[in-house]
Structures are given as structure tokens and as C-alpha cells.
């Protein structure tokens, strides 16, 4: 093979951090596809123009999602990436793998694809980068024999994802792993057969630290919380203070609702004003714990910029007890999807539809009551309203 010259890309190998260019070059002698990927990318750096294009629908039998068709717009110059399709595999809850499972996956991908992977995509899937149309079905068949399934792509439910939850985190208020698996199994049709205006992402965090950034990146965020009082070990609090910990400056003054007071010997909680942000727990984990009455807060509409600007999720249910079989949650999701499917435009995310039609319409149509937790700015918020028939005319 002729020497691959990529002076612009090589600049990305000169810093102190790992470089995807260096990693890819290790595959060049064994995978001609990777050589053409790098050569085409070098050309894009020179011309400041991308040379990938989407075209046509590719996939596997019985599925409408999980494979993203990708082609080079210069197949004559870069024949090994004339087709460079991406496969998405549904990741295990919390991204827990055995070494054997990973080796088996990579053995199949090395056989049918470029060997390039992205662990993981922003949705959470195992992203397998670069194969040709004729290899899609045999690769999928072998993945399926090992128990792996495709993730979501297109206008469907994208692969639900979650944090490690109770497997490794003492702050988890819900079993994120079980919930993620249950929802994935329940909504297989919605995951594999695109039928909505656009994509819909579900992300599950076990606590308000939101380690999967669900508020900013998911159409439907499920965040563990509690509704009784914070649990305080007063002796442990005193140990923090006696060891020199600045409880006033680090915890009390930083509480967003000023619901904590240090008397000099005891930490006093104003329970009704606590918003359960977990700042105090993060700073004094040996002394403070979430309450015992655990559940989740549900938010809707988070996304990056598409039709409208980037949105953070809105609270729609301040607290739900999430207990198996999660029927209340599943019924709510089905009602949301039905409303979105009826009113949404093509490529309009659920948050954009709510923004267009108004939160008051969404809440009324879904049968959800406006609640104080939905308010962003008192007296300047459209969530609280009266319909004409509710106004006393007397």
C-alpha cells in the first residue's frame, strides 16, 4: 500500500492526549477501509468541506432502525468507503460488560466491518462504524446469536440509557438498571420501527446529580429523588465541623433555598423548602443521605438545537413511585407519544411541539395538573392558568 500522508491529521497526534488518528493508523495495514477514511478526512481538512453523504435506506430484515446509511461523495477516489454504514447495538444497562462479551463483539465486527467503534454514542449505543450493505444482515445475524440487538435510529424511540445506579452508587434513589431494561423490552416496536415525527430519547438518572445529563439531552428524563426529609446523622455532621470543614461557607450558604441552618451543634433542616438538589449530600456524604420515600421526577422536552433552540427538560411529574411493573410510567409515555404523533410536524421533537402549542395545552390534553414544581419564575410563568369555564363569573 502506498504511504498514507496526512500532515493535517497528524497535528492531532502531537498533544498530550490520546488521538483517534493514532488509533486509526494502527489499523491501516490491515484494513484498507480505514486508510480511505483517513485520506478522505485529510481532504476534508484541506478543503474545509465534508465528503460524507446520506443516501437511500439500508437495514436488516424486519427492522426500520438501527442502521445508518452513509456513503462517500467521492467513491472513485476513495473506493473503500463508497459505502460506510453505521450499525448501532443496544448497550447493556449501565454499560456493564464482561471481557468475553466485548471480545466476541469485536471479533464479529472485525470480520464484517472496518474495526472502528465508538464506545459509546451520545444516545448510549455501541456504535460500529463502517461496513457495506451486503455485510449488514450476516453481521446482525451473528450479533443476534450472541443475544445482542440493534438500537434505535431514525424517527423512533432511541435506545434508553441509564447511569450505573444502585450497582455502584449509594445515592441512587431508583433501580435505574432494572427500569432501563424493562422499558427497552416493553417498547421494542417503538425502538425498531420508526413511526413518529422524529426521535425520542429516554435517559434515566438515579439521583439529582444526573450523571447521564438527562435534563439537557433527553426528550424524557427520569431522575431519582425522594419526598420525605433528608436523613441527617448529627454526630457525623459534628465530625465534619470538628475536623475543620467550613459547613457555613461550603454547605449552608450554597443551599439554593436556604433550608439548612447550623446552630453550632446541630444541622437543622427546613424540610418543606428543600428542593433535594443534593449539594449538601455531595459535600457531606458521610453525614447526609436521601430520604426513605424514594421515587422519581419526570421531565420532558430536553434536546439540542434542531428546529428551535436547545431546551432543558420541563418538570411534568414532580414525584412518581416507580415500582414494577412501572405501569403508571408506561401509560404516561404512551399518552405522550399519542399526543405528539397527532399534533407534531415532521422532524419536530416533543419539546418543540410543546413550545409551539404551549405547555397549558400539553398539560390539559394529557390530563396533568399544573404544579408549583413547574414554575421557573413566579408570576411570569404560563403553566398556571384558568380556563374560561373555570372562572367564577358571579
Protein backbone atom coordinates (compact mmCIF):
# COMPACT_ATOMS: atom_id res chain seq x y z
CA UNK A 1 0.00 0.00 0.00
CA UNK A 2 1.27 3.49 -0.84
CA UNK A 3 2.37 5.57 2.09
CA UNK A 4 -0.56 7.41 3.65
CA UNK A 5 0.29 11.09 4.02
CA UNK A 6 -1.96 13.06 6.39
CA UNK A 7 0.00 16.11 7.60
CA UNK A 8 -3.09 17.98 8.85
CA UNK A 9 -4.48 14.99 10.74
CA UNK A 10 -1.04 14.24 12.16
CA UNK A 11 -1.23 17.50 14.10
CA UNK A 12 -3.92 15.83 16.20
CA UNK A 13 -1.35 13.31 17.45
CA UNK A 14 1.06 15.89 18.84
CA UNK A 15 -0.75 16.81 22.05
CA UNK A 16 -0.61 15.05 25.43
CA UNK A 17 -3.98 13.31 24.95
CA UNK A 18 -4.92 10.09 23.14
CA UNK A 19 -5.63 10.65 19.45
CA UNK A 20 -8.20 8.91 17.26
CA UNK A 21 -5.81 9.46 14.35
CA UNK A 22 -3.04 7.45 16.00
CA UNK A 23 -5.51 4.72 16.92
CA UNK A 24 -6.86 4.51 13.39
CA UNK A 25 -3.41 4.37 11.83
CA UNK A 26 -2.74 1.15 13.72
CA UNK A 27 -5.42 -0.45 11.54
CA UNK A 28 -4.31 0.94 8.18
CA UNK A 29 -2.14 -2.01 7.11
CA UNK A 30 -4.89 -4.50 7.92
CA UNK A 31 -8.00 -2.51 6.95
CA UNK A 32 -7.93 -0.61 3.60
CA UNK A 33 -11.24 0.96 4.61
CA UNK A 34 -9.52 2.83 7.44
CA UNK A 35 -6.85 4.16 5.08
CA UNK A 36 -9.55 5.67 2.86
CA UNK A 37 -11.37 7.10 5.87
CA UNK A 38 -8.22 8.94 6.91
CA UNK A 39 -7.41 10.04 3.36
CA UNK A 40 -10.91 11.42 2.84
CA UNK A 41 -10.82 13.18 6.21
CA UNK A 42 -7.46 14.75 5.32
CA UNK A 43 -9.05 16.06 2.13
CA UNK A 44 -11.94 17.48 4.15
CA UNK A 45 -9.45 19.31 6.38
CA UNK A 46 -7.76 20.75 3.30
CA UNK A 47 -10.98 21.82 1.59
CA UNK A 48 -12.94 22.62 4.78
CA UNK A 49 -15.75 20.54 3.35
CA UNK A 50 -17.26 17.22 4.41
CA UNK A 51 -17.41 14.36 1.94
CA UNK A 52 -19.89 12.05 3.64
CA UNK A 53 -23.44 11.87 2.40
CA UNK A 54 -26.62 10.05 3.34
CA UNK A 55 -28.48 8.30 0.60
CA UNK A 56 -31.04 5.53 0.47
CA UNK A 57 -32.36 3.31 3.23
CA UNK A 58 -30.30 0.36 4.41
CA UNK A 59 -31.03 -2.04 7.22
CA UNK A 60 -31.74 -5.62 8.23
CA UNK A 61 -34.84 -7.71 7.72
CA UNK A 62 -37.80 -6.70 9.90
CA UNK A 63 -36.15 -3.55 11.29
CA UNK A 64 -36.65 0.07 10.29
CA UNK A 65 -33.92 1.46 12.56
CA UNK A 66 -30.52 0.60 13.97
CA UNK A 67 -28.50 1.10 10.77
CA UNK A 68 -27.46 4.49 9.41
CA UNK A 69 -26.64 4.54 5.72
CA UNK A 70 -23.51 6.50 4.89
CA UNK A 71 -21.68 6.96 1.61
CA UNK A 72 -18.70 8.88 0.27
CA UNK A 73 -19.47 11.54 -2.33
CA UNK A 74 -16.10 10.67 -3.93
CA UNK A 75 -16.33 6.88 -4.41
CA UNK A 76 -13.97 6.94 -7.39
CA UNK A 77 -11.17 8.49 -5.32
CA UNK A 78 -11.95 6.56 -2.11
CA UNK A 79 -13.47 3.24 -3.25
CA UNK A 80 -13.10 1.51 0.11
CA UNK A 81 -15.56 3.94 1.72
CA UNK A 82 -18.02 4.14 -1.17
CA UNK A 83 -20.30 2.51 1.43
CA UNK A 84 -19.55 3.13 5.09
CA UNK A 85 -22.69 2.26 7.04
CA UNK A 86 -23.00 2.51 10.82
CA UNK A 87 -24.63 -0.15 12.99
CA UNK A 88 -25.95 0.64 16.45
CA UNK A 89 -26.12 -2.09 19.07
CA UNK A 90 -28.29 -1.77 22.16
CA UNK A 91 -25.93 -1.39 25.10
CA UNK A 92 -26.47 -3.21 28.41
CA UNK A 93 -27.99 -1.15 31.22
CA UNK A 94 -25.29 0.94 32.90
CA UNK A 95 -22.71 -0.14 30.26
CA UNK A 96 -21.64 -3.21 32.20
CA UNK A 97 -19.78 -5.76 30.07
CA UNK A 98 -17.76 -8.89 30.57
CA UNK A 99 -14.42 -9.09 28.81
CA UNK A 100 -15.68 -12.11 26.86
CA UNK A 101 -18.74 -10.21 25.62
CA UNK A 102 -16.57 -7.38 24.31
CA UNK A 103 -14.12 -9.76 22.64
CA UNK A 104 -16.98 -11.64 20.95
CA UNK A 105 -18.47 -8.37 19.66
CA UNK A 106 -15.16 -7.16 18.30
CA UNK A 107 -14.46 -10.49 16.62
CA UNK A 108 -17.72 -10.22 14.64
CA UNK A 109 -17.12 -6.56 13.78
CA UNK A 110 -13.56 -7.23 12.65
CA UNK A 111 -14.99 -9.90 10.34
CA UNK A 112 -17.74 -7.78 8.77
CA UNK A 113 -16.72 -4.16 9.31
CA UNK A 114 -13.92 -1.64 9.46
CA UNK A 115 -12.94 -2.46 13.03
CA UNK A 116 -13.72 1.13 14.08
CA UNK A 117 -16.03 1.63 17.05
CA UNK A 118 -17.39 4.44 19.17
CA UNK A 119 -17.93 3.32 22.75
CA UNK A 120 -20.43 4.91 23.14
CA UNK A 121 -22.61 7.18 21.03
CA UNK A 122 -24.35 10.10 22.69
CA UNK A 123 -27.51 8.01 22.95
CA UNK A 124 -25.54 5.24 24.62
CA UNK A 125 -25.38 2.63 21.88
CA UNK A 126 -22.32 0.67 20.84
CA UNK A 127 -21.51 2.42 17.57
CA UNK A 128 -19.92 0.22 14.91
CA UNK A 129 -18.52 2.49 12.21
CA UNK A 130 -18.18 1.39 8.62
CA UNK A 131 -19.46 -1.62 6.72
CA UNK A 132 -21.01 -2.37 3.34
CA UNK A 133 -24.63 -3.19 2.58
CA UNK A 134 -24.04 -6.87 1.86
CA UNK A 135 -22.48 -7.39 5.31
CA UNK A 136 -25.31 -5.85 7.34
CA UNK A 137 -27.55 -8.91 7.53
CA UNK A 138 -24.86 -11.53 8.25
CA UNK A 139 -23.30 -9.29 10.91
CA UNK A 140 -26.69 -8.73 12.53
CA UNK A 141 -27.42 -12.47 12.46
CA UNK A 142 -24.20 -13.23 14.33
CA UNK A 143 -24.77 -10.46 16.86
CA UNK A 144 -28.28 -11.81 17.42
CA UNK A 145 -26.97 -15.32 18.07
CA UNK A 146 -24.97 -13.87 20.96
CA UNK A 147 -28.02 -12.07 22.36
CA UNK A 148 -27.32 -8.56 21.06
CA UNK A 149 -29.96 -6.41 19.39
CA UNK A 150 -29.89 -3.23 17.32
CA UNK A 151 -30.50 0.12 18.96
CA UNK A 152 -32.73 2.90 17.68
CA UNK A 153 -32.22 5.29 14.79
CA UNK A 154 -34.49 7.45 12.71
CA UNK A 155 -37.88 8.71 13.86
CA UNK A 156 -38.34 6.22 16.66
CA UNK A 157 -37.62 5.61 20.31
CA UNK A 158 -33.86 5.78 20.69
CA UNK A 159 -32.13 3.25 22.90
CA UNK A 160 -32.96 4.03 26.56
CA UNK A 161 -29.88 4.57 28.70
CA UNK A 162 -29.15 4.98 32.39
CA UNK A 163 -26.44 5.58 34.95
CA UNK A 164 -24.87 2.74 36.95
CA UNK A 165 -27.49 3.36 39.64
CA UNK A 166 -27.59 1.03 42.68
CA UNK A 167 -24.93 -1.22 41.16
CA UNK A 168 -22.20 1.19 42.27
CA UNK A 169 -23.77 4.37 43.62
CA UNK A 170 -25.09 4.82 47.15
CA UNK A 171 -27.05 7.93 46.11
CA UNK A 172 -29.35 6.09 43.70
CA UNK A 173 -32.99 6.54 44.63
CA UNK A 174 -34.37 4.16 41.96
CA UNK A 175 -33.17 0.98 40.30
CA UNK A 176 -32.06 2.60 37.06
CA UNK A 177 -30.73 -0.65 35.61
CA UNK A 178 -33.96 -2.60 36.02
CA UNK A 179 -36.10 0.30 34.79
CA UNK A 180 -33.93 0.82 31.69
CA UNK A 181 -34.06 -2.88 30.83
CA UNK A 182 -37.82 -3.06 31.45
CA UNK A 183 -38.59 -0.07 29.22
CA UNK A 184 -36.30 -1.40 26.50
CA UNK A 185 -38.11 -4.73 26.48
CA UNK A 186 -41.58 -3.15 26.69
CA UNK A 187 -41.15 -0.76 23.78
CA UNK A 188 -39.45 -2.95 21.16
CA UNK A 189 -41.82 -1.88 18.37
CA UNK A 190 -41.25 1.80 19.15
CA UNK A 191 -37.48 1.19 19.23
CA UNK A 192 -37.09 -0.68 15.93
CA UNK A 193 -39.83 0.65 13.68
CA UNK A 194 -39.73 4.41 13.04
CA UNK A 195 -43.27 5.84 13.14
CA UNK A 196 -43.11 9.23 14.87
CA UNK A 197 -42.43 12.84 13.77
CA UNK A 198 -38.84 12.47 14.98
CA UNK A 199 -36.63 10.78 17.55
CA UNK A 200 -37.49 10.36 21.24
CA UNK A 201 -34.80 9.76 23.86
CA UNK A 202 -35.29 8.39 27.38
CA UNK A 203 -32.45 8.77 29.88
CA UNK A 204 -32.57 7.61 33.48
CA UNK A 205 -30.52 9.03 36.36
CA UNK A 206 -30.64 7.53 39.82
CA UNK A 207 -30.39 10.86 41.62
CA UNK A 208 -30.31 14.62 41.10
CA UNK A 209 -26.61 14.54 40.21
CA UNK A 210 -27.90 13.38 36.81
CA UNK A 211 -24.76 11.56 35.68
CA UNK A 212 -26.23 10.85 32.22
CA UNK A 213 -27.10 14.55 31.73
CA UNK A 214 -30.71 13.62 31.07
CA UNK A 215 -32.12 17.12 31.59
CA UNK A 216 -30.18 18.55 28.65
CA UNK A 217 -30.01 15.53 26.33
CA UNK A 218 -33.26 13.59 26.54
CA UNK A 219 -36.84 14.13 25.47
CA UNK A 220 -37.96 12.30 28.61
CA UNK A 221 -35.78 12.45 31.71
CA UNK A 222 -36.36 10.17 34.70
CA UNK A 223 -34.42 11.35 37.75
CA UNK A 224 -34.43 9.59 41.11
CA UNK A 225 -35.43 11.63 44.14
CA UNK A 226 -37.26 11.35 47.48
CA UNK A 227 -40.22 13.17 49.02
CA UNK A 228 -39.71 12.83 52.77
CA UNK A 229 -36.99 14.65 54.68
CA UNK A 230 -33.26 14.42 54.15
CA UNK A 231 -31.66 11.96 56.59
CA UNK A 232 -29.12 13.64 58.85
CA UNK A 233 -26.56 11.94 61.08
CA UNK A 234 -25.87 14.75 63.53
CA UNK A 235 -22.82 13.08 65.06
CA UNK A 236 -21.26 12.71 61.61
CA UNK A 237 -22.04 16.39 60.88
CA UNK A 238 -20.19 17.39 64.05
CA UNK A 239 -17.23 15.24 63.00
CA UNK A 240 -17.05 17.16 59.71
CA UNK A 241 -17.12 20.51 61.53
CA UNK A 242 -14.65 19.49 64.24
CA UNK A 243 -12.18 18.37 61.55
CA UNK A 244 -12.18 21.91 60.10
CA UNK A 245 -14.88 21.58 57.43
CA UNK A 246 -16.43 25.00 56.62
CA UNK A 247 -20.07 23.94 56.85
CA UNK A 248 -21.32 27.52 56.64
CA UNK A 249 -19.42 28.52 53.52
CA UNK A 250 -19.48 25.21 51.67
CA UNK A 251 -22.97 23.95 52.51
CA UNK A 252 -25.26 26.45 54.28
CA UNK A 253 -24.53 29.48 52.10
CA UNK A 254 -24.68 27.37 48.91
CA UNK A 255 -28.10 25.87 49.62
CA UNK A 256 -30.36 27.27 46.83
CA UNK A 257 -33.41 27.61 49.08
CA UNK A 258 -31.58 28.39 52.35
CA UNK A 259 -33.27 25.46 54.04
CA UNK A 260 -30.29 24.46 56.19
CA UNK A 261 -29.09 26.12 59.39
CA UNK A 262 -26.08 25.27 61.56
CA UNK A 263 -26.68 26.06 65.23
CA UNK A 264 -23.16 25.31 66.31
CA UNK A 265 -24.04 21.81 67.44
CA UNK A 266 -26.81 20.66 65.09
CA UNK A 267 -27.79 20.89 61.43
CA UNK A 268 -31.42 21.98 61.17
CA UNK A 269 -33.46 21.25 58.03
CA UNK A 270 -36.46 23.25 56.83
CA UNK A 271 -37.96 20.24 55.06
CA UNK A 272 -40.79 21.91 53.09
CA UNK A 273 -38.31 24.25 51.39
CA UNK A 274 -35.75 21.58 50.45
CA UNK A 275 -35.61 21.06 46.66
CA UNK A 276 -33.44 17.92 47.00
CA UNK A 277 -30.66 19.23 44.79
CA UNK A 278 -28.17 17.04 46.68
CA UNK A 279 -25.47 19.71 47.00
CA UNK A 280 -25.26 19.12 50.74
CA UNK A 281 -25.14 15.33 50.29
CA UNK A 282 -22.30 15.68 47.79
CA UNK A 283 -20.31 17.79 50.25
CA UNK A 284 -21.03 15.69 53.36
CA UNK A 285 -21.80 12.16 52.10
CA UNK A 286 -20.92 10.54 55.45
CA UNK A 287 -23.49 12.65 57.28
CA UNK A 288 -26.38 13.12 54.85
CA UNK A 289 -28.49 10.67 52.89
CA UNK A 290 -31.60 10.79 50.69
CA UNK A 291 -34.88 10.13 52.45
CA UNK A 292 -36.64 6.77 52.56
CA UNK A 293 -39.71 7.58 50.42
CA UNK A 294 -37.98 7.26 47.06
CA UNK A 295 -39.26 7.69 43.51
CA UNK A 296 -38.51 9.87 40.51
CA UNK A 297 -39.12 13.28 38.99
CA UNK A 298 -40.14 13.21 35.32
CA UNK A 299 -39.14 15.92 32.87
CA UNK A 300 -39.92 16.40 29.21
CA UNK A 301 -38.53 18.27 26.22
CA UNK A 302 -34.75 18.39 26.63
CA UNK A 303 -32.74 18.44 23.39
CA UNK A 304 -30.02 20.12 21.38
CA UNK A 305 -30.73 22.69 18.69
CA UNK A 306 -32.85 21.47 15.77
CA UNK A 307 -35.91 23.49 14.75
CA UNK A 308 -35.97 25.59 17.90
CA UNK A 309 -33.08 26.37 20.23
CA UNK A 310 -31.61 23.96 22.77
CA UNK A 311 -34.06 23.14 25.57
CA UNK A 312 -33.65 21.79 29.08
CA UNK A 313 -36.38 19.45 30.29
CA UNK A 314 -39.53 20.79 31.98
CA UNK A 315 -40.86 19.09 35.09
CA UNK A 316 -44.20 17.44 34.34
CA UNK A 317 -44.45 15.00 37.27
CA UNK A 318 -42.61 16.12 40.44
CA UNK A 319 -42.79 12.67 42.04
CA UNK A 320 -43.77 9.19 40.90
CA UNK A 321 -43.20 5.99 42.88
CA UNK A 322 -41.50 3.84 40.22
CA UNK A 323 -42.36 0.28 41.24
CA UNK A 324 -42.54 -2.77 38.99
CA UNK A 325 -44.19 -3.25 36.54
CA UNK A 326 -43.96 0.56 36.09
CA UNK A 327 -47.47 0.73 34.60
CA UNK A 328 -48.09 4.36 35.58
CA UNK A 329 -44.91 5.47 33.82
CA UNK A 330 -45.60 3.37 30.72
CA UNK A 331 -49.15 4.68 30.42
CA UNK A 332 -47.88 8.26 30.62
CA UNK A 333 -45.31 7.59 27.89
CA UNK A 334 -47.94 6.07 25.60
CA UNK A 335 -50.23 9.08 26.12
CA UNK A 336 -47.37 11.50 25.36
CA UNK A 337 -46.47 9.63 22.17
CA UNK A 338 -50.09 9.58 21.01
CA UNK A 339 -50.41 13.36 21.54
CA UNK A 340 -47.10 14.02 19.80
CA UNK A 341 -47.97 11.75 16.89
CA UNK A 342 -51.29 13.55 16.43
CA UNK A 343 -50.00 17.13 16.59
CA UNK A 344 -46.29 17.00 15.65
CA UNK A 345 -44.74 18.14 12.39
CA UNK A 346 -42.05 16.22 10.54
CA UNK A 347 -38.74 16.45 12.42
CA UNK A 348 -40.38 18.24 15.34
CA UNK A 349 -39.21 16.96 18.73
CA UNK A 350 -41.72 16.73 21.57
CA UNK A 351 -40.19 19.76 23.31
CA UNK A 352 -40.55 21.85 20.16
CA UNK A 353 -44.19 20.80 19.84
CA UNK A 354 -44.88 21.80 23.45
CA UNK A 355 -43.12 25.10 22.81
CA UNK A 356 -45.26 25.67 19.70
CA UNK A 357 -48.62 24.72 21.18
CA UNK A 358 -47.98 25.82 24.75
CA UNK A 359 -47.45 23.92 27.97
CA UNK A 360 -51.01 24.66 29.09
CA UNK A 361 -52.36 22.75 26.07
CA UNK A 362 -49.99 19.85 26.70
CA UNK A 363 -50.95 19.57 30.37
CA UNK A 364 -54.67 19.81 29.64
CA UNK A 365 -54.58 17.24 26.83
CA UNK A 366 -52.52 14.82 28.93
CA UNK A 367 -54.71 15.31 32.00
CA UNK A 368 -51.79 16.55 34.12
CA UNK A 369 -52.37 19.16 36.81
CA UNK A 370 -50.18 22.31 36.91
CA UNK A 371 -47.96 22.12 39.99
CA UNK A 372 -45.58 24.54 41.78
CA UNK A 373 -42.54 22.48 40.72
CA UNK A 374 -43.22 23.52 37.13
CA UNK A 375 -42.71 27.21 37.86
CA UNK A 376 -39.48 28.80 36.68
CA UNK A 377 -40.26 32.41 37.58
CA UNK A 378 -43.25 33.18 39.82
CA UNK A 379 -45.89 35.44 38.19
CA UNK A 380 -44.09 35.20 34.85
CA UNK A 381 -44.88 31.60 34.05
CA UNK A 382 -47.54 30.24 31.69
CA UNK A 383 -48.00 26.91 33.49
CA UNK A 384 -50.62 28.28 35.89
CA UNK A 385 -53.82 29.35 34.25
CA UNK A 386 -57.60 29.25 34.33
CA UNK A 387 -59.77 28.04 31.52
CA UNK A 388 -62.82 30.28 30.84
CA UNK A 389 -65.24 27.69 32.18
CA UNK A 390 -63.36 27.59 35.48
CA UNK A 391 -63.64 31.30 36.19
CA UNK A 392 -66.37 32.27 38.62
CA UNK A 393 -68.46 34.85 36.74
CA UNK A 394 -70.57 35.76 39.78
